[in-house]
Amino acid sequence: MRWLLLLFIVVPLAELYLLLLVGRLIGFWPTVALTLVTGVAGGALAKHEGLRVWREWRRALEQMTPPEAGVVDGVLVLIGGALLITPGVLTDALGLVLLLPWSRTAVAARIRREVDRRLGIMRVAQFGGGLGGPGPWSDGDAPPDGGSASPVIQTTGETVE
């Protein structure tokens, strides 16, 4: 509930205050021009970065490798573009941070660490030859200690850096 209060009341009021302050410093028409330029430039930058992330995903799929820019990067580009198109000083600054590749990478890494911390890390250890295949043991059926050759899944709350 606090996030909604912040999002719908505090941020627009701060944006309005900053726009009025900028308008007082540089004038009304330069402020309008600055707002329009950041909106158009934000849309163009969002399109450019979005297409770049999309091309990386397609190339990775063609090569059957995981994409370097994950889903988080794509979502951050989308949010950054929307923020830059939205008029305001704070939203423009945050949108620019999310659209520039070097700063977006840092934000995405922090988000991944936070998600890992909250959800925990899942580790999968496979013993044997996989799904129905023979294991590395001489009889091919089971490990010598009589254990199972099926995967073991262990979850921990530790964070991988």
N, C-alpha and C. Protein backbone atom coordinates (compact mmCIF):
# COMPACT_ATOMS: atom_id res chain seq x y z
N MET A 1 0.82 -1.19 0.00
CA MET A 1 0.00 0.00 0.00
C MET A 1 0.87 1.26 0.00
N ARG A 2 1.99 1.20 0.72
CA ARG A 2 2.87 2.36 0.75
C ARG A 2 3.43 2.66 -0.64
N TRP A 3 3.68 1.60 -1.42
CA TRP A 3 4.23 1.82 -2.77
C TRP A 3 3.24 2.55 -3.66
N LEU A 4 1.96 2.24 -3.52
CA LEU A 4 0.95 2.93 -4.31
C LEU A 4 0.86 4.40 -3.92
N LEU A 5 0.94 4.68 -2.62
CA LEU A 5 0.95 6.06 -2.17
C LEU A 5 2.14 6.81 -2.77
N LEU A 6 3.29 6.18 -2.72
CA LEU A 6 4.49 6.79 -3.28
C LEU A 6 4.36 6.99 -4.79
N LEU A 7 3.88 5.98 -5.47
CA LEU A 7 3.80 6.02 -6.93
C LEU A 7 2.80 7.05 -7.44
N PHE A 8 1.63 7.11 -6.83
CA PHE A 8 0.56 7.95 -7.37
C PHE A 8 0.42 9.33 -6.74
N ILE A 9 1.07 9.56 -5.61
CA ILE A 9 0.93 10.87 -4.97
C ILE A 9 2.27 11.58 -4.85
N VAL A 10 3.25 10.93 -4.25
CA VAL A 10 4.52 11.59 -3.96
C VAL A 10 5.31 11.85 -5.23
N VAL A 11 5.43 10.87 -6.12
CA VAL A 11 6.23 11.04 -7.34
C VAL A 11 5.66 12.14 -8.24
N PRO A 12 4.35 12.17 -8.53
CA PRO A 12 3.84 13.27 -9.36
C PRO A 12 4.04 14.65 -8.72
N LEU A 13 3.90 14.73 -7.40
CA LEU A 13 4.12 16.02 -6.74
C LEU A 13 5.59 16.45 -6.84
N ALA A 14 6.50 15.50 -6.67
CA ALA A 14 7.93 15.81 -6.82
C ALA A 14 8.24 16.20 -8.26
N GLU A 15 7.65 15.51 -9.21
CA GLU A 15 7.86 15.83 -10.63
C GLU A 15 7.36 17.24 -10.94
N LEU A 16 6.17 17.56 -10.45
CA LEU A 16 5.61 18.89 -10.67
C LEU A 16 6.49 19.98 -10.07
N TYR A 17 6.95 19.74 -8.85
CA TYR A 17 7.83 20.71 -8.19
C TYR A 17 9.11 20.91 -9.00
N LEU A 18 9.73 19.81 -9.43
CA LEU A 18 10.98 19.92 -10.20
C LEU A 18 10.76 20.59 -11.55
N LEU A 19 9.65 20.29 -12.22
CA LEU A 19 9.36 20.95 -13.50
C LEU A 19 9.14 22.45 -13.32
N LEU A 20 8.45 22.82 -12.25
CA LEU A 20 8.26 24.25 -11.97
C LEU A 20 9.59 24.93 -11.65
N LEU A 21 10.45 24.22 -10.91
CA LEU A 21 11.77 24.76 -10.58
C LEU A 21 12.62 24.94 -11.84
N VAL A 22 12.62 23.93 -12.70
CA VAL A 22 13.36 24.04 -13.97
C VAL A 22 12.78 25.15 -14.82
N GLY A 23 11.45 25.26 -14.85
CA GLY A 23 10.80 26.33 -15.61
C GLY A 23 11.17 27.71 -15.11
N ARG A 24 11.30 27.85 -13.81
CA ARG A 24 11.70 29.12 -13.23
C ARG A 24 13.16 29.44 -13.58
N LEU A 25 14.00 28.41 -13.64
CA LEU A 25 15.43 28.62 -13.93
C LEU A 25 15.71 28.90 -15.41
N ILE A 26 15.07 28.14 -16.30
CA ILE A 26 15.40 28.31 -17.73
C ILE A 26 14.26 28.90 -18.55
N GLY A 27 13.08 29.03 -17.98
CA GLY A 27 11.95 29.61 -18.70
C GLY A 27 10.94 28.54 -19.10
N PHE A 28 9.74 29.02 -19.45
CA PHE A 28 8.63 28.12 -19.77
C PHE A 28 8.88 27.33 -21.06
N TRP A 29 9.16 28.04 -22.16
CA TRP A 29 9.30 27.35 -23.45
C TRP A 29 10.53 26.43 -23.50
N PRO A 30 11.66 26.81 -22.95
CA PRO A 30 12.77 25.83 -22.90
C PRO A 30 12.43 24.59 -22.08
N THR A 31 11.63 24.75 -21.03
CA THR A 31 11.22 23.58 -20.23
C THR A 31 10.29 22.68 -21.04
N VAL A 32 9.36 23.29 -21.78
CA VAL A 32 8.47 22.50 -22.65
C VAL A 32 9.30 21.78 -23.71
N ALA A 33 10.25 22.49 -24.32
CA ALA A 33 11.11 21.88 -25.34
C ALA A 33 11.94 20.74 -24.75
N LEU A 34 12.48 20.94 -23.55
CA LEU A 34 13.27 19.90 -22.90
C LEU A 34 12.42 18.67 -22.62
N THR A 35 11.19 18.88 -22.19
CA THR A 35 10.28 17.77 -21.93
C THR A 35 9.96 17.00 -23.20
N LEU A 36 9.71 17.72 -24.30
CA LEU A 36 9.42 17.07 -25.58
C LEU A 36 10.64 16.33 -26.12
N VAL A 37 11.81 16.94 -26.02
CA VAL A 37 13.04 16.31 -26.53
C VAL A 37 13.35 15.04 -25.76
N THR A 38 13.22 15.07 -24.43
CA THR A 38 13.49 13.85 -23.66
C THR A 38 12.48 12.75 -23.97
N GLY A 39 11.25 13.13 -24.25
CA GLY A 39 10.25 12.13 -24.62
C GLY A 39 10.57 11.46 -25.95
N VAL A 40 10.90 12.28 -26.95
CA VAL A 40 11.23 11.73 -28.28
C VAL A 40 12.54 10.94 -28.22
N ALA A 41 13.56 11.51 -27.56
CA ALA A 41 14.85 10.80 -27.45
C ALA A 41 14.68 9.51 -26.65
N GLY A 42 13.84 9.55 -25.62
CA GLY A 42 13.59 8.35 -24.83
C GLY A 42 12.93 7.26 -25.65
N GLY A 43 11.97 7.65 -26.45
CA GLY A 43 11.32 6.66 -27.32
C GLY A 43 12.29 6.05 -28.31
N ALA A 44 13.15 6.88 -28.91
CA ALA A 44 14.14 6.37 -29.86
C ALA A 44 15.16 5.46 -29.18
N LEU A 45 15.64 5.88 -28.01
CA LEU A 45 16.62 5.07 -27.28
C LEU A 45 16.01 3.75 -26.81
N ALA A 46 14.76 3.80 -26.36
CA ALA A 46 14.08 2.58 -25.95
C ALA A 46 13.92 1.62 -27.12
N LYS A 47 13.58 2.15 -28.28
CA LYS A 47 13.44 1.31 -29.46
C LYS A 47 14.78 0.69 -29.84
N HIS A 48 15.84 1.50 -29.83
CA HIS A 48 17.18 1.01 -30.19
C HIS A 48 17.64 -0.09 -29.22
N GLU A 49 17.54 0.17 -27.92
CA GLU A 49 17.98 -0.80 -26.93
C GLU A 49 17.09 -2.04 -26.91
N GLY A 50 15.79 -1.84 -27.08
CA GLY A 50 14.88 -2.98 -27.14
C GLY A 50 15.18 -3.89 -28.31
N LEU A 51 15.45 -3.30 -29.48
CA LEU A 51 15.81 -4.11 -30.64
C LEU A 51 17.15 -4.81 -30.44
N ARG A 52 18.08 -4.16 -29.77
CA ARG A 52 19.38 -4.79 -29.51
C ARG A 52 19.22 -6.00 -28.60
N VAL A 53 18.43 -5.86 -27.53
CA VAL A 53 18.17 -6.98 -26.63
C VAL A 53 17.46 -8.10 -27.38
N TRP A 54 16.49 -7.74 -28.23
CA TRP A 54 15.77 -8.74 -29.01
C TRP A 54 16.70 -9.50 -29.95
N ARG A 55 17.62 -8.77 -30.62
CA ARG A 55 18.59 -9.43 -31.52
C ARG A 55 19.50 -10.38 -30.75
N GLU A 56 19.92 -9.99 -29.54
CA GLU A 56 20.75 -10.87 -28.72
C GLU A 56 19.99 -12.14 -28.38
N TRP A 57 18.72 -12.01 -28.01
CA TRP A 57 17.91 -13.19 -27.69
C TRP A 57 17.77 -14.10 -28.89
N ARG A 58 17.49 -13.53 -30.07
CA ARG A 58 17.33 -14.36 -31.27
C ARG A 58 18.62 -15.06 -31.64
N ARG A 59 19.75 -14.33 -31.55
CA ARG A 59 21.05 -14.93 -31.87
C ARG A 59 21.35 -16.08 -30.91
N ALA A 60 21.05 -15.88 -29.64
CA ALA A 60 21.30 -16.92 -28.64
C ALA A 60 20.41 -18.14 -28.90
N LEU A 61 19.17 -17.91 -29.27
CA LEU A 61 18.28 -19.03 -29.58
C LEU A 61 18.74 -19.79 -30.82
N GLU A 62 19.23 -19.07 -31.83
CA GLU A 62 19.73 -19.73 -33.03
C GLU A 62 20.96 -20.58 -32.73
N GLN A 63 21.80 -20.11 -31.80
CA GLN A 63 23.01 -20.83 -31.43
C GLN A 63 22.78 -21.80 -30.29
N MET A 64 21.54 -21.88 -29.81
CA MET A 64 21.16 -22.77 -28.71
C MET A 64 21.99 -22.50 -27.45
N THR A 65 22.21 -21.23 -27.15
CA THR A 65 22.92 -20.82 -25.94
C THR A 65 22.01 -19.88 -25.15
N PRO A 66 22.23 -19.78 -23.85
CA PRO A 66 21.42 -18.82 -23.09
C PRO A 66 21.78 -17.39 -23.46
N PRO A 67 20.79 -16.52 -23.59
CA PRO A 67 21.10 -15.13 -23.95
C PRO A 67 21.84 -14.43 -22.82
N GLU A 68 22.80 -13.56 -23.19
CA GLU A 68 23.53 -12.81 -22.18
C GLU A 68 22.62 -11.80 -21.51
N ALA A 69 21.79 -11.15 -22.29
CA ALA A 69 20.81 -10.21 -21.73
C ALA A 69 19.56 -11.01 -21.42
N GLY A 70 19.29 -11.19 -20.14
CA GLY A 70 18.16 -12.01 -19.75
C GLY A 70 16.84 -11.28 -19.82
N VAL A 71 15.85 -11.89 -19.26
CA VAL A 71 14.50 -11.33 -19.25
C VAL A 71 14.49 -10.02 -18.46
N VAL A 72 15.30 -9.97 -17.41
CA VAL A 72 15.35 -8.75 -16.58
C VAL A 72 15.77 -7.56 -17.43
N ASP A 73 16.77 -7.73 -18.30
CA ASP A 73 17.21 -6.64 -19.16
C ASP A 73 16.08 -6.15 -20.07
N GLY A 74 15.35 -7.08 -20.64
CA GLY A 74 14.23 -6.70 -21.51
C GLY A 74 13.17 -5.92 -20.77
N VAL A 75 12.84 -6.35 -19.56
CA VAL A 75 11.84 -5.65 -18.76
C VAL A 75 12.36 -4.26 -18.37
N LEU A 76 13.64 -4.16 -18.03
CA LEU A 76 14.21 -2.86 -17.66
C LEU A 76 14.21 -1.89 -18.84
N VAL A 77 14.46 -2.38 -20.05
CA VAL A 77 14.40 -1.52 -21.24
C VAL A 77 12.98 -1.01 -21.43
N LEU A 78 12.01 -1.89 -21.26
CA LEU A 78 10.61 -1.49 -21.40
C LEU A 78 10.22 -0.43 -20.36
N ILE A 79 10.60 -0.65 -19.12
CA ILE A 79 10.28 0.31 -18.06
C ILE A 79 11.02 1.62 -18.30
N GLY A 80 12.30 1.53 -18.69
CA GLY A 80 13.09 2.74 -18.95
C GLY A 80 12.49 3.58 -20.07
N GLY A 81 12.04 2.94 -21.13
CA GLY A 81 11.41 3.67 -22.23
C GLY A 81 10.13 4.36 -21.79
N ALA A 82 9.32 3.66 -21.02
CA ALA A 82 8.07 4.26 -20.52
C ALA A 82 8.36 5.45 -19.61
N LEU A 83 9.40 5.34 -18.78
CA LEU A 83 9.75 6.44 -17.88
C LEU A 83 10.27 7.65 -18.65
N LEU A 84 11.04 7.42 -19.71
CA LEU A 84 11.56 8.55 -20.48
C LEU A 84 10.47 9.25 -21.28
N ILE A 85 9.48 8.52 -21.71
CA ILE A 85 8.38 9.12 -22.45
C ILE A 85 7.49 9.94 -21.51
N THR A 86 7.40 9.52 -20.25
CA THR A 86 6.61 10.24 -19.25
C THR A 86 7.28 11.57 -18.93
N PRO A 87 6.54 12.68 -18.97
CA PRO A 87 7.17 13.97 -18.67
C PRO A 87 7.57 14.07 -17.20
N GLY A 88 8.76 14.58 -16.97
CA GLY A 88 9.22 14.79 -15.61
C GLY A 88 10.73 14.62 -15.51
N VAL A 89 11.29 15.21 -14.48
CA VAL A 89 12.73 15.17 -14.28
C VAL A 89 13.17 13.86 -13.65
N LEU A 90 12.48 13.42 -12.60
CA LEU A 90 12.85 12.17 -11.92
C LEU A 90 12.66 10.96 -12.83
N THR A 91 11.52 10.92 -13.54
CA THR A 91 11.26 9.79 -14.42
C THR A 91 12.26 9.76 -15.57
N ASP A 92 12.68 10.93 -16.06
CA ASP A 92 13.68 10.97 -17.12
C ASP A 92 15.03 10.43 -16.64
N ALA A 93 15.42 10.83 -15.44
CA ALA A 93 16.70 10.37 -14.89
C ALA A 93 16.68 8.85 -14.67
N LEU A 94 15.61 8.34 -14.08
CA LEU A 94 15.50 6.90 -13.84
C LEU A 94 15.39 6.13 -15.16
N GLY A 95 14.63 6.65 -16.10
CA GLY A 95 14.51 6.01 -17.41
C GLY A 95 15.85 5.94 -18.13
N LEU A 96 16.64 6.99 -18.04
CA LEU A 96 17.97 6.99 -18.66
C LEU A 96 18.87 5.95 -18.01
N VAL A 97 18.80 5.84 -16.70
CA VAL A 97 19.60 4.83 -15.99
C VAL A 97 19.23 3.43 -16.46
N LEU A 98 17.95 3.18 -16.68
CA LEU A 98 17.50 1.85 -17.09
C LEU A 98 17.77 1.56 -18.56
N LEU A 99 17.96 2.59 -19.38
CA LEU A 99 18.17 2.36 -20.81
C LEU A 99 19.64 2.28 -21.20
N LEU A 100 20.51 2.94 -20.49
CA LEU A 100 21.93 2.88 -20.84
C LEU A 100 22.48 1.51 -20.46
N PRO A 101 23.16 0.83 -21.40
CA PRO A 101 23.57 -0.56 -21.16
C PRO A 101 24.42 -0.77 -19.90
N TRP A 102 25.38 0.10 -19.64
CA TRP A 102 26.27 -0.13 -18.50
C TRP A 102 25.55 0.05 -17.17
N SER A 103 24.65 1.00 -17.07
CA SER A 103 23.92 1.18 -15.81
C SER A 103 22.80 0.14 -15.68
N ARG A 104 22.19 -0.24 -16.80
CA ARG A 104 21.14 -1.27 -16.77
C ARG A 104 21.71 -2.60 -16.30
N THR A 105 22.94 -2.92 -16.71
CA THR A 105 23.58 -4.16 -16.29
C THR A 105 23.75 -4.18 -14.78
N ALA A 106 24.15 -3.05 -14.20
CA ALA A 106 24.32 -2.98 -12.75
C ALA A 106 22.97 -3.13 -12.04
N VAL A 107 21.94 -2.49 -12.56
CA VAL A 107 20.61 -2.59 -11.95
C VAL A 107 20.09 -4.02 -12.06
N ALA A 108 20.27 -4.65 -13.22
CA ALA A 108 19.81 -6.03 -13.42
C ALA A 108 20.53 -6.99 -12.47
N ALA A 109 21.83 -6.79 -12.28
CA ALA A 109 22.59 -7.66 -11.37
C ALA A 109 22.07 -7.52 -9.94
N ARG A 110 21.76 -6.30 -9.56
CA ARG A 110 21.23 -6.08 -8.20
C ARG A 110 19.85 -6.74 -8.05
N ILE A 111 19.02 -6.64 -9.06
CA ILE A 111 17.70 -7.27 -9.01
C ILE A 111 17.83 -8.78 -8.91
N ARG A 112 18.74 -9.36 -9.71
CA ARG A 112 18.95 -10.82 -9.66
C ARG A 112 19.42 -11.26 -8.27
N ARG A 113 20.36 -10.50 -7.68
CA ARG A 113 20.84 -10.84 -6.32
C ARG A 113 19.70 -10.78 -5.31
N GLU A 114 18.85 -9.77 -5.43
CA GLU A 114 17.73 -9.62 -4.50
C GLU A 114 16.73 -10.76 -4.67
N VAL A 115 16.44 -11.13 -5.91
CA VAL A 115 15.52 -12.25 -6.16
C VAL A 115 16.12 -13.54 -5.61
N ASP A 116 17.40 -13.77 -5.85
CA ASP A 116 18.06 -14.96 -5.32
C ASP A 116 18.02 -14.98 -3.79
N ARG A 117 18.23 -13.83 -3.17
CA ARG A 117 18.22 -13.75 -1.72
C ARG A 117 16.82 -14.06 -1.17
N ARG A 118 15.80 -13.53 -1.82
CA ARG A 118 14.44 -13.74 -1.32
C ARG A 118 13.91 -15.14 -1.59
N LEU A 119 14.23 -15.69 -2.76
CA LEU A 119 13.71 -17.01 -3.11
C LEU A 119 14.61 -18.14 -2.67
N GLY A 120 15.88 -17.85 -2.46
CA GLY A 120 16.83 -18.91 -2.16
C GLY A 120 17.38 -19.47 -3.47
N ILE A 121 18.47 -20.14 -3.38
CA ILE A 121 19.12 -20.73 -4.55
C ILE A 121 18.73 -22.19 -4.64
N MET A 122 18.38 -22.63 -5.83
CA MET A 122 18.06 -24.04 -6.02
C MET A 122 19.25 -24.71 -6.70
N ARG A 123 19.76 -25.73 -6.06
CA ARG A 123 20.88 -26.47 -6.63
C ARG A 123 20.39 -27.85 -7.03
N VAL A 124 20.75 -28.27 -8.21
CA VAL A 124 20.36 -29.58 -8.70
C VAL A 124 21.62 -30.40 -8.91
N ALA A 125 21.67 -31.56 -8.26
CA ALA A 125 22.80 -32.46 -8.43
C ALA A 125 22.27 -33.74 -9.06
N GLN A 126 22.88 -34.18 -10.12
CA GLN A 126 22.42 -35.37 -10.84
C GLN A 126 23.43 -36.48 -10.61
N PHE A 127 22.92 -37.62 -10.21
CA PHE A 127 23.76 -38.79 -10.05
C PHE A 127 23.33 -39.80 -11.08
N GLY A 128 24.23 -40.40 -11.76
CA GLY A 128 23.88 -41.38 -12.76
C GLY A 128 23.88 -40.78 -14.14
N GLY A 129 23.30 -41.49 -15.07
CA GLY A 129 23.36 -41.10 -16.47
C GLY A 129 22.23 -40.21 -16.90
N GLY A 130 21.41 -39.73 -15.99
CA GLY A 130 20.34 -38.84 -16.39
C GLY A 130 19.01 -39.55 -16.43
N LEU A 131 18.15 -39.13 -17.31
CA LEU A 131 16.80 -39.67 -17.37
C LEU A 131 16.79 -41.07 -17.95
N GLY A 132 16.78 -42.06 -17.10
CA GLY A 132 16.65 -43.43 -17.55
C GLY A 132 17.93 -44.03 -18.11
N GLY A 133 18.98 -43.26 -18.22
CA GLY A 133 20.22 -43.79 -18.78
C GLY A 133 21.03 -44.53 -17.74
N PRO A 134 21.98 -45.31 -18.18
CA PRO A 134 22.80 -46.05 -17.22
C PRO A 134 23.70 -45.11 -16.44
N GLY A 135 23.96 -45.46 -15.21
CA GLY A 135 24.86 -44.69 -14.37
C GLY A 135 26.30 -45.11 -14.61
N PRO A 136 27.21 -44.50 -13.91
CA PRO A 136 28.62 -44.82 -14.10
C PRO A 136 29.05 -46.07 -13.35
N TRP A 137 28.08 -46.78 -12.76
CA TRP A 137 28.43 -47.95 -11.98
C TRP A 137 28.49 -49.17 -12.87
N SER A 138 29.14 -50.21 -12.40
CA SER A 138 29.40 -51.38 -13.23
C SER A 138 28.13 -52.07 -13.68
N ASP A 139 27.08 -52.13 -12.84
CA ASP A 139 25.87 -52.83 -13.26
C ASP A 139 24.92 -51.93 -14.03
N GLY A 140 25.13 -50.59 -14.04
CA GLY A 140 24.32 -49.68 -14.81
C GLY A 140 22.96 -49.38 -14.23
N ASP A 141 22.57 -50.04 -13.13
CA ASP A 141 21.25 -49.83 -12.56
C ASP A 141 21.23 -48.85 -11.40
N ALA A 142 22.11 -49.01 -10.47
CA ALA A 142 22.06 -48.19 -9.27
C ALA A 142 23.46 -47.99 -8.72
N PRO A 143 23.64 -47.00 -7.89
CA PRO A 143 24.93 -46.80 -7.26
C PRO A 143 25.28 -47.97 -6.35
N PRO A 144 26.56 -48.17 -6.09
CA PRO A 144 26.97 -49.31 -5.26
C PRO A 144 26.38 -49.29 -3.86
N ASP A 145 26.06 -48.11 -3.33
CA ASP A 145 25.52 -48.07 -1.96
C ASP A 145 24.02 -48.31 -1.93
N GLY A 146 23.41 -48.60 -3.07
CA GLY A 146 21.99 -48.90 -3.12
C GLY A 146 21.12 -47.66 -3.19
N GLY A 147 21.71 -46.47 -3.33
CA GLY A 147 20.96 -45.23 -3.40
C GLY A 147 20.27 -45.06 -4.74
N SER A 148 19.64 -43.96 -4.92
CA SER A 148 18.89 -43.67 -6.13
C SER A 148 19.76 -42.92 -7.13
N ALA A 149 19.51 -43.12 -8.40
CA ALA A 149 20.23 -42.39 -9.45
C ALA A 149 19.42 -41.19 -9.92
N SER A 150 18.35 -40.84 -9.19
CA SER A 150 17.53 -39.70 -9.61
C SER A 150 18.12 -38.39 -9.10
N PRO A 151 17.72 -37.26 -9.73
CA PRO A 151 18.27 -35.97 -9.30
C PRO A 151 17.91 -35.65 -7.85
N VAL A 152 18.79 -34.95 -7.18
CA VAL A 152 18.56 -34.49 -5.83
C VAL A 152 18.47 -32.97 -5.89
N ILE A 153 17.40 -32.43 -5.36
CA ILE A 153 17.20 -30.98 -5.38
C ILE A 153 17.31 -30.47 -3.96
N GLN A 154 18.18 -29.49 -3.78
CA GLN A 154 18.39 -28.91 -2.47
C GLN A 154 18.24 -27.40 -2.60
N THR A 155 17.45 -26.80 -1.74
CA THR A 155 17.32 -25.34 -1.76
C THR A 155 17.99 -24.79 -0.53
N THR A 156 18.64 -23.65 -0.74
CA THR A 156 19.30 -22.98 0.38
C THR A 156 18.91 -21.53 0.34
N GLY A 157 19.14 -20.82 1.39
CA GLY A 157 18.86 -19.41 1.45
C GLY A 157 20.08 -18.55 1.19
N GLU A 158 21.17 -19.16 0.82
CA GLU A 158 22.40 -18.38 0.61
C GLU A 158 22.41 -17.70 -0.74
N THR A 159 23.13 -16.63 -0.84
CA THR A 159 23.21 -15.83 -2.05
C THR A 159 24.51 -16.15 -2.76
N VAL A 160 24.40 -16.35 -4.08
CA VAL A 160 25.58 -16.57 -4.90
C VAL A 160 25.99 -15.25 -5.50
N GLU A 161 27.19 -14.83 -5.32
CA GLU A 161 27.68 -13.55 -5.84
C GLU A 161 28.30 -13.73 -7.21
